[in-house]
Amino acid sequence: MKRLHVLDGGGAWYAGGDAMVRIAAELPALASLTILARLPGADAVIDSFYGLIAAHRGAISRWLRLDRCRFAPDPAAP
């Protein structure tokens, strides 16, 4: 899986930077930051930031001493 995918309670799928924003909206400590995602040009900045994090997730996980997400994705999922 190259990008994070999120399925919300209403059945809508989000991927990449949009998924990151959707998760942040559900976390009380980050919810207020999602207002910035509505600013003009924010999509490009968020997608670039997400791409940078995704490309280095292994190194970031090691640096934070976290185990990367391990699961077998459902091949039938969109």
C-alpha atoms as a PDB file:
ATOM      1  CA  MET A   1       0.000   0.000   0.000  1.00  0.00           C
ATOM      2  CA  LYS A   2       1.561   3.241  -1.113  1.00  0.00           C
ATOM      3  CA  ARG A   3      -0.979   5.617   0.411  1.00  0.00           C
ATOM      4  CA  LEU A   4      -2.984   5.664   3.590  1.00  0.00           C
ATOM      5  CA  HIS A   5      -6.677   4.891   3.029  1.00  0.00           C
ATOM      6  CA  VAL A   6      -9.472   5.787   5.455  1.00  0.00           C
ATOM      7  CA  LEU A   7     -13.111   4.723   5.376  1.00  0.00           C
ATOM      8  CA  ASP A   8     -15.371   7.008   7.399  1.00  0.00           C
ATOM      9  CA  GLY A   9     -18.595   6.115   9.168  1.00  0.00           C
ATOM     10  CA  GLY A  10     -20.647   7.327   6.204  1.00  0.00           C
ATOM     11  CA  GLY A  11     -18.907   4.973   3.774  1.00  0.00           C
ATOM     12  CA  ALA A  12     -16.700   7.596   2.082  1.00  0.00           C
ATOM     13  CA  TRP A  13     -13.083   6.710   1.244  1.00  0.00           C
ATOM     14  CA  TYR A  14     -10.175   9.128   1.670  1.00  0.00           C
ATOM     15  CA  ALA A  15      -6.585   8.571   0.543  1.00  0.00           C
ATOM     16  CA  GLY A  16      -3.191  10.208   1.020  1.00  0.00           C
ATOM     17  CA  GLY A  17      -3.295  13.763   2.346  1.00  0.00           C
ATOM     18  CA  ASP A  18      -7.095  13.740   2.436  1.00  0.00           C
ATOM     19  CA  ALA A  19      -6.972  10.682   4.709  1.00  0.00           C
ATOM     20  CA  MET A  20      -4.483  12.420   6.975  1.00  0.00           C
ATOM     21  CA  VAL A  21      -6.787  15.452   7.275  1.00  0.00           C
ATOM     22  CA  ARG A  22      -9.808  13.206   7.922  1.00  0.00           C
ATOM     23  CA  ILE A  23      -7.983  11.437  10.770  1.00  0.00           C
ATOM     24  CA  ALA A  24      -6.855  14.777  12.223  1.00  0.00           C
ATOM     25  CA  ALA A  25     -10.478  15.977  12.189  1.00  0.00           C
ATOM     26  CA  GLU A  26     -11.386  13.125  14.536  1.00  0.00           C
ATOM     27  CA  LEU A  27      -8.590  13.817  17.036  1.00  0.00           C
ATOM     28  CA  PRO A  28      -9.438  16.583  19.526  1.00  0.00           C
ATOM     29  CA  ALA A  29      -5.823  17.796  19.708  1.00  0.00           C
ATOM     30  CA  LEU A  30      -5.617  18.212  15.902  1.00  0.00           C
ATOM     31  CA  ALA A  31      -9.195  19.002  14.865  1.00  0.00           C
ATOM     32  CA  SER A  32      -8.700  22.773  14.910  1.00  0.00           C
ATOM     33  CA  LEU A  33      -5.797  22.447  12.449  1.00  0.00           C
ATOM     34  CA  THR A  34      -8.109  21.011   9.810  1.00  0.00           C
ATOM     35  CA  ILE A  35      -9.437  24.544   9.230  1.00  0.00           C
ATOM     36  CA  LEU A  36      -6.110  25.222   7.501  1.00  0.00           C
ATOM     37  CA  ALA A  37      -6.880  22.413   5.042  1.00  0.00           C
ATOM     38  CA  ARG A  38      -9.652  24.598   3.596  1.00  0.00           C
ATOM     39  CA  LEU A  39      -7.316  27.426   2.608  1.00  0.00           C
ATOM     40  CA  PRO A  40      -6.593  27.971  -1.103  1.00  0.00           C
ATOM     41  CA  GLY A  41      -3.611  25.881  -2.153  1.00  0.00           C
ATOM     42  CA  ALA A  42      -3.685  23.761   0.994  1.00  0.00           C
ATOM     43  CA  ASP A  43      -4.336  20.554  -0.976  1.00  0.00           C
ATOM     44  CA  ALA A  44      -0.974  20.804  -2.745  1.00  0.00           C
ATOM     45  CA  VAL A  45       0.885  21.547   0.488  1.00  0.00           C
ATOM     46  CA  ILE A  46      -0.839  18.712   2.361  1.00  0.00           C
ATOM     47  CA  ASP A  47      -0.203  16.227  -0.456  1.00  0.00           C
ATOM     48  CA  SER A  48       3.479  17.236  -0.603  1.00  0.00           C
ATOM     49  CA  PHE A  49       3.826  16.900   3.164  1.00  0.00           C
ATOM     50  CA  TYR A  50       2.051  13.539   3.099  1.00  0.00           C
ATOM     51  CA  GLY A  51       4.333  12.343   0.278  1.00  0.00           C
ATOM     52  CA  LEU A  52       7.422  13.332   2.253  1.00  0.00           C
ATOM     53  CA  ILE A  53       6.216  11.515   5.368  1.00  0.00           C
ATOM     54  CA  ALA A  54       5.085   8.443   3.405  1.00  0.00           C
ATOM     55  CA  ALA A  55       8.394   8.198   1.547  1.00  0.00           C
ATOM     56  CA  HIS A  56      10.306   8.157   4.833  1.00  0.00           C
ATOM     57  CA  ARG A  57       7.875   6.298   7.086  1.00  0.00           C
ATOM     58  CA  GLY A  58      10.377   3.540   7.846  1.00  0.00           C
ATOM     59  CA  ALA A  59      13.073   5.950   9.009  1.00  0.00           C
ATOM     60  CA  ILE A  60      10.533   8.032  10.946  1.00  0.00           C
ATOM     61  CA  SER A  61       9.214   4.904  12.676  1.00  0.00           C
ATOM     62  CA  ARG A  62      12.739   3.872  13.655  1.00  0.00           C
ATOM     63  CA  TRP A  63      13.547   7.387  14.860  1.00  0.00           C
ATOM     64  CA  LEU A  64      10.375   7.439  17.006  1.00  0.00           C
ATOM     65  CA  ARG A  65      10.992   3.822  18.054  1.00  0.00           C
ATOM     66  CA  LEU A  66       7.626   2.759  16.692  1.00  0.00           C
ATOM     67  CA  ASP A  67       6.769  -0.378  14.796  1.00  0.00           C
ATOM     68  CA  ARG A  68       5.370   0.353  11.337  1.00  0.00           C
ATOM     69  CA  CYS A  69       1.809  -0.628  10.610  1.00  0.00           C
ATOM     70  CA  ARG A  70       1.700  -4.312   9.716  1.00  0.00           C
ATOM     71  CA  PHE A  71      -1.379  -5.785   8.169  1.00  0.00           C
ATOM     72  CA  ALA A  72      -2.417  -7.721   5.117  1.00  0.00           C
ATOM     73  CA  PRO A  73      -4.599  -5.400   3.005  1.00  0.00           C
ATOM     74  CA  ASP A  74      -7.788  -6.800   1.572  1.00  0.00           C
ATOM     75  CA  PRO A  75      -7.142  -7.243  -2.170  1.00  0.00           C
ATOM     76  CA  ALA A  76     -10.853  -6.632  -2.831  1.00  0.00           C
ATOM     77  CA  ALA A  77     -10.774  -3.203  -1.150  1.00  0.00           C
ATOM     78  CA  PRO A  78     -10.873  -0.151  -3.462  1.00  0.00           C
END
